């Protein structure tokens, strides 16, 4: 008899929980639906004048830089031999930084934009 009462109590509790859950969902309103917009096959916008100029400038600048590097490397001897050890690493870092600054300052001093 106790098992029957226990089963009835558990059954009532189960259905009460289920009914409460269903009532709560109904009170919350209709479930949200997800709408997916269809993909459009619109053509991409044409590039702006800046983008066109940038694209052409970077392409031509790269080609010119490659040509100048080739000419420079054909006319110039190789890099100096670096000393060994930590001193050599510091020397090579300083040399490369100084060389880069010298190139930039030299261009600013001796070259003129076309």
PDB file of N, CA and C in Angstrom:
ATOM      1  N   UNK A   1       0.807  -1.176   0.000  1.00  0.00           N
ATOM      2  CA  UNK A   1       0.000   0.000   0.000  1.00  0.00           C
ATOM      3  C   UNK A   1       0.870   1.268   0.000  1.00  0.00           C
ATOM      4  N   UNK A   2       1.979   1.192   0.761  1.00  0.00           N
ATOM      5  CA  UNK A   2       2.853   2.355   0.806  1.00  0.00           C
ATOM      6  C   UNK A   2       3.475   2.615  -0.564  1.00  0.00           C
ATOM      7  N   UNK A   3       3.827   1.559  -1.296  1.00  0.00           N
ATOM      8  CA  UNK A   3       4.397   1.735  -2.626  1.00  0.00           C
ATOM      9  C   UNK A   3       3.398   2.399  -3.561  1.00  0.00           C
ATOM     10  N   UNK A   4       2.110   2.041  -3.417  1.00  0.00           N
ATOM     11  CA  UNK A   4       1.082   2.619  -4.263  1.00  0.00           C
ATOM     12  C   UNK A   4       0.933   4.108  -3.955  1.00  0.00           C
ATOM     13  N   UNK A   5       0.948   4.477  -2.660  1.00  0.00           N
ATOM     14  CA  UNK A   5       0.831   5.885  -2.279  1.00  0.00           C
ATOM     15  C   UNK A   5       2.051   6.673  -2.778  1.00  0.00           C
ATOM     16  N   UNK A   6       3.204   6.068  -2.624  1.00  0.00           N
ATOM     17  CA  UNK A   6       4.435   6.717  -3.074  1.00  0.00           C
ATOM     18  C   UNK A   6       4.383   6.934  -4.584  1.00  0.00           C
ATOM     19  N   UNK A   7       3.917   5.961  -5.338  1.00  0.00           N
ATOM     20  CA  UNK A   7       3.803   6.079  -6.786  1.00  0.00           C
ATOM     21  C   UNK A   7       2.816   7.168  -7.169  1.00  0.00           C
ATOM     22  N   UNK A   8       1.698   7.236  -6.440  1.00  0.00           N
ATOM     23  CA  UNK A   8       0.698   8.265  -6.727  1.00  0.00           C
ATOM     24  C   UNK A   8       1.273   9.649  -6.442  1.00  0.00           C
ATOM     25  N   UNK A   9       1.957   9.794  -5.315  1.00  0.00           N
ATOM     26  CA  UNK A   9       2.544  11.091  -4.955  1.00  0.00           C
ATOM     27  C   UNK A   9       3.585  11.504  -5.994  1.00  0.00           C
ATOM     28  N   UNK A  10       4.450  10.580  -6.387  1.00  0.00           N
ATOM     29  CA  UNK A  10       5.466  10.890  -7.398  1.00  0.00           C
ATOM     30  C   UNK A  10       4.820  11.220  -8.738  1.00  0.00           C
ATOM     31  N   UNK A  11       3.774  10.495  -9.105  1.00  0.00           N
ATOM     32  CA  UNK A  11       3.079  10.754 -10.364  1.00  0.00           C
ATOM     33  C   UNK A  11       2.431  12.121 -10.373  1.00  0.00           C
ATOM     34  N   UNK A  12       1.768  12.475  -9.261  1.00  0.00           N
ATOM     35  CA  UNK A  12       1.127  13.790  -9.159  1.00  0.00           C
ATOM     36  C   UNK A  12       2.184  14.888  -9.217  1.00  0.00           C
ATOM     37  N   UNK A  13       3.295  14.700  -8.535  1.00  0.00           N
ATOM     38  CA  UNK A  13       4.371  15.692  -8.541  1.00  0.00           C
ATOM     39  C   UNK A  13       4.941  15.857  -9.950  1.00  0.00           C
ATOM     40  N   UNK A  14       5.102  14.756 -10.655  1.00  0.00           N
ATOM     41  CA  UNK A  14       5.627  14.807 -12.018  1.00  0.00           C
ATOM     42  C   UNK A  14       4.694  15.601 -12.925  1.00  0.00           C
ATOM     43  N   UNK A  15       3.404  15.273 -12.892  1.00  0.00           N
ATOM     44  CA  UNK A  15       2.457  15.960 -13.763  1.00  0.00           C
ATOM     45  C   UNK A  15       2.265  17.423 -13.355  1.00  0.00           C
ATOM     46  N   UNK A  16       2.366  17.725 -12.074  1.00  0.00           N
ATOM     47  CA  UNK A  16       2.267  19.117 -11.622  1.00  0.00           C
ATOM     48  C   UNK A  16       3.451  19.921 -12.145  1.00  0.00           C
ATOM     49  N   UNK A  17       4.638  19.335 -12.104  1.00  0.00           N
ATOM     50  CA  UNK A  17       5.831  20.000 -12.629  1.00  0.00           C
ATOM     51  C   UNK A  17       5.703  20.218 -14.127  1.00  0.00           C
ATOM     52  N   UNK A  18       5.226  19.210 -14.837  1.00  0.00           N
ATOM     53  CA  UNK A  18       5.052  19.302 -16.281  1.00  0.00           C
ATOM     54  C   UNK A  18       4.023  20.370 -16.628  1.00  0.00           C
ATOM     55  N   UNK A  19       2.912  20.409 -15.901  1.00  0.00           N
ATOM     56  CA  UNK A  19       1.863  21.402 -16.156  1.00  0.00           C
ATOM     57  C   UNK A  19       2.369  22.806 -15.866  1.00  0.00           C
ATOM     58  N   UNK A  20       3.127  22.979 -14.796  1.00  0.00           N
ATOM     59  CA  UNK A  20       3.672  24.292 -14.454  1.00  0.00           C
ATOM     60  C   UNK A  20       4.647  24.764 -15.524  1.00  0.00           C
ATOM     61  N   UNK A  21       5.492  23.865 -16.002  1.00  0.00           N
ATOM     62  CA  UNK A  21       6.464  24.205 -17.036  1.00  0.00           C
ATOM     63  C   UNK A  21       5.756  24.615 -18.320  1.00  0.00           C
ATOM     64  N   UNK A  22       4.723  23.884 -18.706  1.00  0.00           N
ATOM     65  CA  UNK A  22       3.975  24.196 -19.921  1.00  0.00           C
ATOM     66  C   UNK A  22       3.257  25.527 -19.777  1.00  0.00           C
ATOM     67  N   UNK A  23       2.675  25.796 -18.613  1.00  0.00           N
ATOM     68  CA  UNK A  23       1.977  27.057 -18.380  1.00  0.00           C
ATOM     69  C   UNK A  23       2.948  28.231 -18.414  1.00  0.00           C
ATOM     70  N   UNK A  24       4.132  28.045 -17.880  1.00  0.00           N
ATOM     71  CA  UNK A  24       5.141  29.105 -17.891  1.00  0.00           C
ATOM     72  C   UNK A  24       5.564  29.427 -19.315  1.00  0.00           C
ATOM     73  N   UNK A  25       5.768  28.411 -20.131  1.00  0.00           N
ATOM     74  CA  UNK A  25       6.148  28.633 -21.521  1.00  0.00           C
ATOM     75  C   UNK A  25       5.039  29.324 -22.288  1.00  0.00           C
ATOM     76  N   UNK A  26       3.784  28.953 -22.041  1.00  0.00           N
ATOM     77  CA  UNK A  26       2.657  29.568 -22.729  1.00  0.00           C
ATOM     78  C   UNK A  26       2.521  31.030 -22.322  1.00  0.00           C
ATOM     79  N   UNK A  27       2.780  31.343 -21.062  1.00  0.00           N
ATOM     80  CA  UNK A  27       2.673  32.720 -20.590  1.00  0.00           C
ATOM     81  C   UNK A  27       3.778  33.595 -21.167  1.00  0.00           C
ATOM     82  N   UNK A  28       4.906  32.997 -21.489  1.00  0.00           N
ATOM     83  CA  UNK A  28       6.033  33.754 -22.020  1.00  0.00           C
ATOM     84  C   UNK A  28       5.776  34.227 -23.440  1.00  0.00           C
ATOM     85  N   UNK A  29       4.791  33.707 -24.110  1.00  0.00           N
ATOM     86  CA  UNK A  29       4.483  34.132 -25.467  1.00  0.00           C
ATOM     87  C   UNK A  29       4.938  33.091 -26.460  1.00  0.00           C
ATOM     88  N   UNK A  30       4.718  33.386 -27.716  1.00  0.00           N
ATOM     89  CA  UNK A  30       5.085  32.422 -28.743  1.00  0.00           C
ATOM     90  C   UNK A  30       6.601  32.275 -28.820  1.00  0.00           C
ATOM     91  N   UNK A  31       7.059  31.105 -29.188  1.00  0.00           N
ATOM     92  CA  UNK A  31       8.510  30.918 -29.285  1.00  0.00           C
ATOM     93  C   UNK A  31       9.078  31.792 -30.398  1.00  0.00           C
ATOM     94  N   UNK A  32      10.298  32.241 -30.167  1.00  0.00           N
ATOM     95  CA  UNK A  32      10.946  33.081 -31.178  1.00  0.00           C
ATOM     96  C   UNK A  32      11.368  32.214 -32.350  1.00  0.00           C
ATOM     97  N   UNK A  33      11.094  32.710 -33.530  1.00  0.00           N
ATOM     98  CA  UNK A  33      11.490  31.985 -34.730  1.00  0.00           C
ATOM     99  C   UNK A  33      12.675  32.698 -35.347  1.00  0.00           C
ATOM    100  N   UNK A  34      13.507  31.933 -35.980  1.00  0.00           N
ATOM    101  CA  UNK A  34      14.665  32.498 -36.626  1.00  0.00           C
ATOM    102  C   UNK A  34      14.387  32.638 -38.106  1.00  0.00           C
ATOM    103  N   UNK A  35      14.563  33.827 -38.625  1.00  0.00           N
ATOM    104  CA  UNK A  35      14.368  34.053 -40.047  1.00  0.00           C
ATOM    105  C   UNK A  35      15.728  34.263 -40.684  1.00  0.00           C
ATOM    106  N   UNK A  36      15.986  33.536 -41.741  1.00  0.00           N
ATOM    107  CA  UNK A  36      17.248  33.653 -42.450  1.00  0.00           C
ATOM    108  C   UNK A  36      16.983  34.403 -43.738  1.00  0.00           C
ATOM    109  N   UNK A  37      17.708  35.476 -43.932  1.00  0.00           N
ATOM    110  CA  UNK A  37      17.541  36.253 -45.155  1.00  0.00           C
ATOM    111  C   UNK A  37      18.204  35.510 -46.305  1.00  0.00           C
ATOM    112  N   UNK A  38      17.556  35.464 -47.446  1.00  0.00           N
ATOM    113  CA  UNK A  38      18.167  34.782 -48.582  1.00  0.00           C
ATOM    114  C   UNK A  38      19.387  35.554 -49.075  1.00  0.00           C
ATOM    115  N   UNK A  39      20.354  34.828 -49.559  1.00  0.00           N
ATOM    116  CA  UNK A  39      21.575  35.451 -50.066  1.00  0.00           C
ATOM    117  C   UNK A  39      21.262  36.197 -51.355  1.00  0.00           C
ATOM    118  N   UNK A  40      21.814  37.380 -51.469  1.00  0.00           N
ATOM    119  CA  UNK A  40      21.599  38.153 -52.687  1.00  0.00           C
ATOM    120  C   UNK A  40      22.814  38.010 -53.578  1.00  0.00           C
ATOM    121  N   UNK A  41      22.580  38.082 -54.839  1.00  0.00           N
ATOM    122  CA  UNK A  41      23.663  37.931 -55.806  1.00  0.00           C
ATOM    123  C   UNK A  41      24.025  39.281 -56.396  1.00  0.00           C
ATOM    124  N   UNK A  42      24.103  40.307 -55.541  1.00  0.00           N
ATOM    125  CA  UNK A  42      24.443  41.641 -56.012  1.00  0.00           C
ATOM    126  C   UNK A  42      25.932  41.712 -56.323  1.00  0.00           C
ATOM    127  N   UNK A  43      26.255  42.490 -57.323  1.00  0.00           N
ATOM    128  CA  UNK A  43      27.657  42.662 -57.702  1.00  0.00           C
ATOM    129  C   UNK A  43      28.363  43.479 -56.624  1.00  0.00           C
ATOM    130  N   UNK A  44      29.629  43.187 -56.353  1.00  0.00           N
ATOM    131  CA  UNK A  44      30.358  43.969 -55.356  1.00  0.00           C
ATOM    132  C   UNK A  44      30.513  45.407 -55.844  1.00  0.00           C
ATOM    133  N   UNK A  45      30.573  46.358 -54.920  1.00  0.00           N
ATOM    134  CA  UNK A  45      30.712  47.751 -55.338  1.00  0.00           C
ATOM    135  C   UNK A  45      32.053  47.979 -56.015  1.00  0.00           C
ATOM    136  N   UNK A  46      32.071  48.905 -56.943  1.00  0.00           N
ATOM    137  CA  UNK A  46      33.327  49.198 -57.633  1.00  0.00           C
ATOM    138  C   UNK A  46      34.266  49.908 -56.661  1.00  0.00           C
ATOM    139  N   UNK A  47      35.574  49.705 -56.821  1.00  0.00           N
ATOM    140  CA  UNK A  47      36.523  50.314 -55.886  1.00  0.00           C
ATOM    141  C   UNK A  47      36.525  51.836 -56.024  1.00  0.00           C
ATOM    142  N   UNK A  48      36.846  52.500 -54.931  1.00  0.00           N
ATOM    143  CA  UNK A  48      36.911  53.963 -54.931  1.00  0.00           C
ATOM    144  C   UNK A  48      38.161  54.407 -55.689  1.00  0.00           C
ATOM    145  N   UNK A  49      38.206  55.675 -56.104  1.00  0.00           N
ATOM    146  CA  UNK A  49      39.416  56.169 -56.782  1.00  0.00           C
ATOM    147  C   UNK A  49      40.674  55.979 -55.932  1.00  0.00           C
ATOM    148  N   UNK A  50      40.543  56.149 -54.611  1.00  0.00           N
ATOM    149  CA  UNK A  50      41.697  55.935 -53.734  1.00  0.00           C
ATOM    150  C   UNK A  50      42.175  54.498 -53.823  1.00  0.00           C
ATOM    151  N   UNK A  51      41.225  53.552 -53.756  1.00  0.00           N
ATOM    152  CA  UNK A  51      41.598  52.139 -53.801  1.00  0.00           C
ATOM    153  C   UNK A  51      42.251  51.787 -55.131  1.00  0.00           C
ATOM    154  N   UNK A  52      41.726  52.349 -56.228  1.00  0.00           N
ATOM    155  CA  UNK A  52      42.331  52.085 -57.539  1.00  0.00           C
ATOM    156  C   UNK A  52      43.753  52.635 -57.594  1.00  0.00           C
ATOM    157  N   UNK A  53      43.934  53.882 -57.120  1.00  0.00           N
ATOM    158  CA  UNK A  53      45.265  54.487 -57.117  1.00  0.00           C
ATOM    159  C   UNK A  53      46.232  53.733 -56.223  1.00  0.00           C
ATOM    160  N   UNK A  54      45.758  53.305 -55.055  1.00  0.00           N
ATOM    161  CA  UNK A  54      46.593  52.561 -54.116  1.00  0.00           C
ATOM    162  C   UNK A  54      47.029  51.245 -54.728  1.00  0.00           C
ATOM    163  N   UNK A  55      46.100  50.548 -55.346  1.00  0.00           N
ATOM    164  CA  UNK A  55      46.409  49.250 -55.942  1.00  0.00           C
ATOM    165  C   UNK A  55      47.460  49.389 -57.038  1.00  0.00           C
ATOM    166  N   UNK A  56      47.275  50.374 -57.911  1.00  0.00           N
ATOM    167  CA  UNK A  56      48.247  50.570 -58.990  1.00  0.00           C
ATOM    168  C   UNK A  56      49.584  51.051 -58.430  1.00  0.00           C
ATOM    169  N   UNK A  57      49.531  51.971 -57.460  1.00  0.00           N
ATOM    170  CA  UNK A  57      50.763  52.497 -56.869  1.00  0.00           C
ATOM    171  C   UNK A  57      51.583  51.428 -56.174  1.00  0.00           C
ATOM    172  N   UNK A  58      50.925  50.543 -55.421  1.00  0.00           N
ATOM    173  CA  UNK A  58      51.674  49.504 -54.708  1.00  0.00           C
ATOM    174  C   UNK A  58      52.288  48.520 -55.696  1.00  0.00           C
ATOM    175  N   UNK A  59      51.582  48.237 -56.775  1.00  0.00           N
ATOM    176  CA  UNK A  59      52.104  47.309 -57.777  1.00  0.00           C
ATOM    177  C   UNK A  59      53.323  47.899 -58.485  1.00  0.00           C
ATOM    178  N   UNK A  60      53.195  49.150 -58.937  1.00  0.00           N
ATOM    179  CA  UNK A  60      54.309  49.784 -59.643  1.00  0.00           C
ATOM    180  C   UNK A  60      55.471  50.077 -58.701  1.00  0.00           C
ATOM    181  N   UNK A  61      55.169  50.482 -57.475  1.00  0.00           N
ATOM    182  CA  UNK A  61      56.224  50.742 -56.498  1.00  0.00           C
ATOM    183  C   UNK A  61      57.010  49.485 -56.163  1.00  0.00           C
ATOM    184  N   UNK A  62      56.312  48.363 -56.046  1.00  0.00           N
ATOM    185  CA  UNK A  62      56.981  47.100 -55.743  1.00  0.00           C
ATOM    186  C   UNK A  62      57.917  46.709 -56.883  1.00  0.00           C
ATOM    187  N   UNK A  63      57.416  46.818 -58.113  1.00  0.00           N
ATOM    188  CA  UNK A  63      58.266  46.482 -59.268  1.00  0.00           C
ATOM    189  C   UNK A  63      59.498  47.376 -59.324  1.00  0.00           C
ATOM    190  N   UNK A  64      59.322  48.676 -59.082  1.00  0.00           N
ATOM    191  CA  UNK A  64      60.450  49.602 -59.107  1.00  0.00           C
ATOM    192  C   UNK A  64      61.438  49.302 -57.977  1.00  0.00           C
ATOM    193  N   UNK A  65      60.918  48.978 -56.796  1.00  0.00           N
ATOM    194  CA  UNK A  65      61.788  48.619 -55.676  1.00  0.00           C
ATOM    195  C   UNK A  65      62.596  47.368 -55.968  1.00  0.00           C
ATOM    196  N   UNK A  66      61.962  46.374 -56.584  1.00  0.00           N
ATOM    197  CA  UNK A  66      62.677  45.155 -56.960  1.00  0.00           C
ATOM    198  C   UNK A  66      63.776  45.465 -57.973  1.00  0.00           C
ATOM    199  N   UNK A  67      63.479  46.316 -58.955  1.00  0.00           N
ATOM    200  CA  UNK A  67      64.478  46.671 -59.969  1.00  0.00           C
ATOM    201  C   UNK A  67      65.653  47.411 -59.331  1.00  0.00           C
ATOM    202  N   UNK A  68      65.366  48.341 -58.423  1.00  0.00           N
ATOM    203  CA  UNK A  68      66.445  49.080 -57.763  1.00  0.00           C
ATOM    204  C   UNK A  68      67.273  48.172 -56.862  1.00  0.00           C
ATOM    205  N   UNK A  69      66.622  47.231 -56.192  1.00  0.00           N
ATOM    206  CA  UNK A  69      67.361  46.298 -55.340  1.00  0.00           C
ATOM    207  C   UNK A  69      68.289  45.429 -56.175  1.00  0.00           C
ATOM    208  N   UNK A  70      67.801  44.974 -57.322  1.00  0.00           N
ATOM    209  CA  UNK A  70      68.639  44.159 -58.202  1.00  0.00           C
ATOM    210  C   UNK A  70      69.852  44.949 -58.667  1.00  0.00           C
ATOM    211  N   UNK A  71      69.642  46.190 -59.097  1.00  0.00           N
ATOM    212  CA  UNK A  71      70.756  47.033 -59.546  1.00  0.00           C
ATOM    213  C   UNK A  71      71.723  47.285 -58.392  1.00  0.00           C
ATOM    214  N   UNK A  72      71.189  47.586 -57.221  1.00  0.00           N
ATOM    215  CA  UNK A  72      72.026  47.856 -56.055  1.00  0.00           C
ATOM    216  C   UNK A  72      72.873  46.636 -55.697  1.00  0.00           C
ATOM    217  N   UNK A  73      72.252  45.460 -55.711  1.00  0.00           N
ATOM    218  CA  UNK A  73      72.975  44.257 -55.304  1.00  0.00           C
ATOM    219  C   UNK A  73      74.015  43.833 -56.334  1.00  0.00           C
ATOM    220  N   UNK A  74      73.784  44.153 -57.587  1.00  0.00           N
ATOM    221  CA  UNK A  74      74.786  43.830 -58.601  1.00  0.00           C
ATOM    222  C   UNK A  74      75.997  44.742 -58.479  1.00  0.00           C
ATOM    223  N   UNK A  75      75.777  45.992 -58.034  1.00  0.00           N
ATOM    224  CA  UNK A  75      76.849  46.982 -57.962  1.00  0.00           C
ATOM    225  C   UNK A  75      77.537  47.041 -56.602  1.00  0.00           C
ATOM    226  N   UNK A  76      76.996  46.402 -55.587  1.00  0.00           N
ATOM    227  CA  UNK A  76      77.489  46.540 -54.225  1.00  0.00           C
ATOM    228  C   UNK A  76      78.044  45.209 -53.728  1.00  0.00           C
ATOM    229  N   UNK A  77      79.115  45.310 -52.963  1.00  0.00           N
ATOM    230  CA  UNK A  77      79.680  44.102 -52.364  1.00  0.00           C
ATOM    231  C   UNK A  77      78.754  43.602 -51.268  1.00  0.00           C
ATOM    232  N   UNK A  78      78.993  42.402 -50.796  1.00  0.00           N
ATOM    233  CA  UNK A  78      78.144  41.804 -49.763  1.00  0.00           C
ATOM    234  C   UNK A  78      78.256  42.508 -48.421  1.00  0.00           C
ATOM    235  N   UNK A  79      77.417  42.063 -47.475  1.00  0.00           N
ATOM    236  CA  UNK A  79      77.449  42.611 -46.128  1.00  0.00           C
ATOM    237  C   UNK A  79      78.791  42.289 -45.472  1.00  0.00           C
ATOM    238  N   UNK A  80      79.221  43.138 -44.541  1.00  0.00           N
ATOM    239  CA  UNK A  80      80.483  42.845 -43.852  1.00  0.00           C
ATOM    240  C   UNK A  80      80.355  41.595 -42.982  1.00  0.00           C
ATOM    241  N   UNK A  81      81.481  40.997 -42.670  1.00  0.00           N
ATOM    242  CA  UNK A  81      81.489  39.847 -41.765  1.00  0.00           C
ATOM    243  C   UNK A  81      81.247  40.362 -40.354  1.00  0.00           C
ATOM    244  N   UNK A  82      80.263  39.803 -39.674  1.00  0.00           N
ATOM    245  CA  UNK A  82      79.960  40.237 -38.318  1.00  0.00           C
ATOM    246  C   UNK A  82      80.907  39.549 -37.338  1.00  0.00           C
ATOM    247  N   UNK A  83      81.325  40.251 -36.294  1.00  0.00           N
ATOM    248  CA  UNK A  83      82.092  39.589 -35.238  1.00  0.00           C
ATOM    249  C   UNK A  83      81.219  38.532 -34.551  1.00  0.00           C
ATOM    250  N   UNK A  84      81.844  37.567 -33.898  1.00  0.00           N
ATOM    251  CA  UNK A  84      81.072  36.497 -33.260  1.00  0.00           C
ATOM    252  C   UNK A  84      80.630  36.902 -31.857  1.00  0.00           C
ATOM    253  N   UNK A  85      79.683  36.139 -31.308  1.00  0.00           N
ATOM    254  CA  UNK A  85      79.220  36.337 -29.933  1.00  0.00           C
ATOM    255  C   UNK A  85      78.186  37.445 -29.806  1.00  0.00           C
ATOM    256  N   UNK A  86      77.942  37.819 -28.545  1.00  0.00           N
ATOM    257  CA  UNK A  86      76.932  38.837 -28.251  1.00  0.00           C
ATOM    258  C   UNK A  86      77.318  40.181 -28.860  1.00  0.00           C
ATOM    259  N   UNK A  87      78.604  40.481 -28.870  1.00  0.00           N
ATOM    260  CA  UNK A  87      79.057  41.730 -29.478  1.00  0.00           C
ATOM    261  C   UNK A  87      78.671  41.767 -30.954  1.00  0.00           C
ATOM    262  N   UNK A  88      78.861  40.647 -31.641  1.00  0.00           N
ATOM    263  CA  UNK A  88      78.532  40.581 -33.064  1.00  0.00           C
ATOM    264  C   UNK A  88      77.043  40.759 -33.325  1.00  0.00           C
ATOM    265  N   UNK A  89      76.217  40.172 -32.448  1.00  0.00           N
ATOM    266  CA  UNK A  89      74.765  40.337 -32.605  1.00  0.00           C
ATOM    267  C   UNK A  89      74.399  41.805 -32.421  1.00  0.00           C
ATOM    268  N   UNK A  90      74.949  42.433 -31.384  1.00  0.00           N
ATOM    269  CA  UNK A  90      74.690  43.859 -31.160  1.00  0.00           C
ATOM    270  C   UNK A  90      75.195  44.706 -32.310  1.00  0.00           C
ATOM    271  N   UNK A  91      76.383  44.366 -32.803  1.00  0.00           N
ATOM    272  CA  UNK A  91      76.959  45.114 -33.919  1.00  0.00           C
ATOM    273  C   UNK A  91      76.084  45.000 -35.164  1.00  0.00           C
ATOM    274  N   UNK A  92      75.642  43.782 -35.479  1.00  0.00           N
ATOM    275  CA  UNK A  92      74.833  43.601 -36.687  1.00  0.00           C
ATOM    276  C   UNK A  92      73.486  44.315 -36.555  1.00  0.00           C
ATOM    277  N   UNK A  93      72.875  44.264 -35.364  1.00  0.00           N
ATOM    278  CA  UNK A  93      71.615  44.988 -35.163  1.00  0.00           C
ATOM    279  C   UNK A  93      71.824  46.490 -35.338  1.00  0.00           C
ATOM    280  N   UNK A  94      72.874  47.011 -34.725  1.00  0.00           N
ATOM    281  CA  UNK A  94      73.172  48.439 -34.854  1.00  0.00           C
ATOM    282  C   UNK A  94      73.517  48.827 -36.281  1.00  0.00           C
ATOM    283  N   UNK A  95      74.290  47.986 -36.950  1.00  0.00           N
ATOM    284  CA  UNK A  95      74.681  48.263 -38.332  1.00  0.00           C
ATOM    285  C   UNK A  95      73.456  48.340 -39.233  1.00  0.00           C
ATOM    286  N   UNK A  96      72.553  47.351 -39.090  1.00  0.00           N
ATOM    287  CA  UNK A  96      71.369  47.324 -39.944  1.00  0.00           C
ATOM    288  C   UNK A  96      70.465  48.529 -39.664  1.00  0.00           C
ATOM    289  N   UNK A  97      70.318  48.907 -38.388  1.00  0.00           N
ATOM    290  CA  UNK A  97      69.508  50.069 -38.051  1.00  0.00           C
ATOM    291  C   UNK A  97      70.151  51.337 -38.613  1.00  0.00           C
ATOM    292  N   UNK A  98      71.451  51.470 -38.433  1.00  0.00           N
ATOM    293  CA  UNK A  98      72.158  52.631 -38.972  1.00  0.00           C
ATOM    294  C   UNK A  98      72.090  52.683 -40.488  1.00  0.00           C
ATOM    295  N   UNK A  99      72.212  51.534 -41.132  1.00  0.00           N
ATOM    296  CA  UNK A  99      72.139  51.471 -42.590  1.00  0.00           C
ATOM    297  C   UNK A  99      70.757  51.917 -43.072  1.00  0.00           C
ATOM    298  N   UNK A 100      69.711  51.431 -42.414  1.00  0.00           N
ATOM    299  CA  UNK A 100      68.347  51.822 -42.791  1.00  0.00           C
ATOM    300  C   UNK A 100      68.112  53.311 -42.612  1.00  0.00           C
ATOM    301  N   UNK A 101      68.597  53.850 -41.484  1.00  0.00           N
ATOM    302  CA  UNK A 101      68.447  55.291 -41.256  1.00  0.00           C
ATOM    303  C   UNK A 101      69.254  56.093 -42.270  1.00  0.00           C
ATOM    304  N   UNK A 102      70.443  55.607 -42.600  1.00  0.00           N
ATOM    305  CA  UNK A 102      71.267  56.291 -43.597  1.00  0.00           C
ATOM    306  C   UNK A 102      70.596  56.329 -44.964  1.00  0.00           C
ATOM    307  N   UNK A 103      69.958  55.226 -45.345  1.00  0.00           N
ATOM    308  CA  UNK A 103      69.232  55.184 -46.620  1.00  0.00           C
ATOM    309  C   UNK A 103      68.094  56.199 -46.603  1.00  0.00           C
ATOM    310  N   UNK A 104      67.298  56.194 -45.530  1.00  0.00           N
ATOM    311  CA  UNK A 104      66.158  57.115 -45.436  1.00  0.00           C
ATOM    312  C   UNK A 104      66.621  58.571 -45.438  1.00  0.00           C
ATOM    313  N   UNK A 105      67.641  58.894 -44.629  1.00  0.00           N
ATOM    314  CA  UNK A 105      68.135  60.269 -44.583  1.00  0.00           C
ATOM    315  C   UNK A 105      68.769  60.670 -45.907  1.00  0.00           C
ATOM    316  N   UNK A 106      69.491  59.740 -46.531  1.00  0.00           N
ATOM    317  CA  UNK A 106      70.106  60.024 -47.828  1.00  0.00           C
ATOM    318  C   UNK A 106      69.058  60.301 -48.897  1.00  0.00           C
ATOM    319  N   UNK A 107      67.985  59.524 -48.896  1.00  0.00           N
ATOM    320  CA  UNK A 107      66.911  59.771 -49.868  1.00  0.00           C
ATOM    321  C   UNK A 107      66.285  61.140 -49.630  1.00  0.00           C
ATOM    322  N   UNK A 108      66.067  61.477 -48.348  1.00  0.00           N
ATOM    323  CA  UNK A 108      65.466  62.774 -48.038  1.00  0.00           C
ATOM    324  C   UNK A 108      66.391  63.924 -48.429  1.00  0.00           C
ATOM    325  N   UNK A 109      67.704  63.702 -48.316  1.00  0.00           N
ATOM    326  CA  UNK A 109      68.666  64.761 -48.585  1.00  0.00           C
ATOM    327  C   UNK A 109      69.001  64.884 -50.073  1.00  0.00           C
ATOM    328  N   UNK A 110      69.163  63.753 -50.761  1.00  0.00           N
ATOM    329  CA  UNK A 110      69.675  63.788 -52.125  1.00  0.00           C
ATOM    330  C   UNK A 110      68.635  63.524 -53.213  1.00  0.00           C
ATOM    331  N   UNK A 111      67.563  62.855 -52.883  1.00  0.00           N
ATOM    332  CA  UNK A 111      66.566  62.521 -53.904  1.00  0.00           C
ATOM    333  C   UNK A 111      65.440  63.543 -53.879  1.00  0.00           C
ATOM    334  N   UNK A 112      64.770  63.663 -54.989  1.00  0.00           N
ATOM    335  CA  UNK A 112      63.594  64.523 -55.030  1.00  0.00           C
ATOM    336  C   UNK A 112      62.444  63.736 -55.633  1.00  0.00           C
ATOM    337  N   UNK A 113      61.243  63.966 -55.144  1.00  0.00           N
ATOM    338  CA  UNK A 113      60.101  63.236 -55.702  1.00  0.00           C
ATOM    339  C   UNK A 113      59.858  63.643 -57.146  1.00  0.00           C
ATOM    340  N   UNK A 114      59.390  62.715 -57.920  1.00  0.00           N
ATOM    341  CA  UNK A 114      59.146  63.029 -59.338  1.00  0.00           C
ATOM    342  C   UNK A 114      57.790  63.653 -59.524  1.00  0.00           C
TER     343      UNK A 114
END
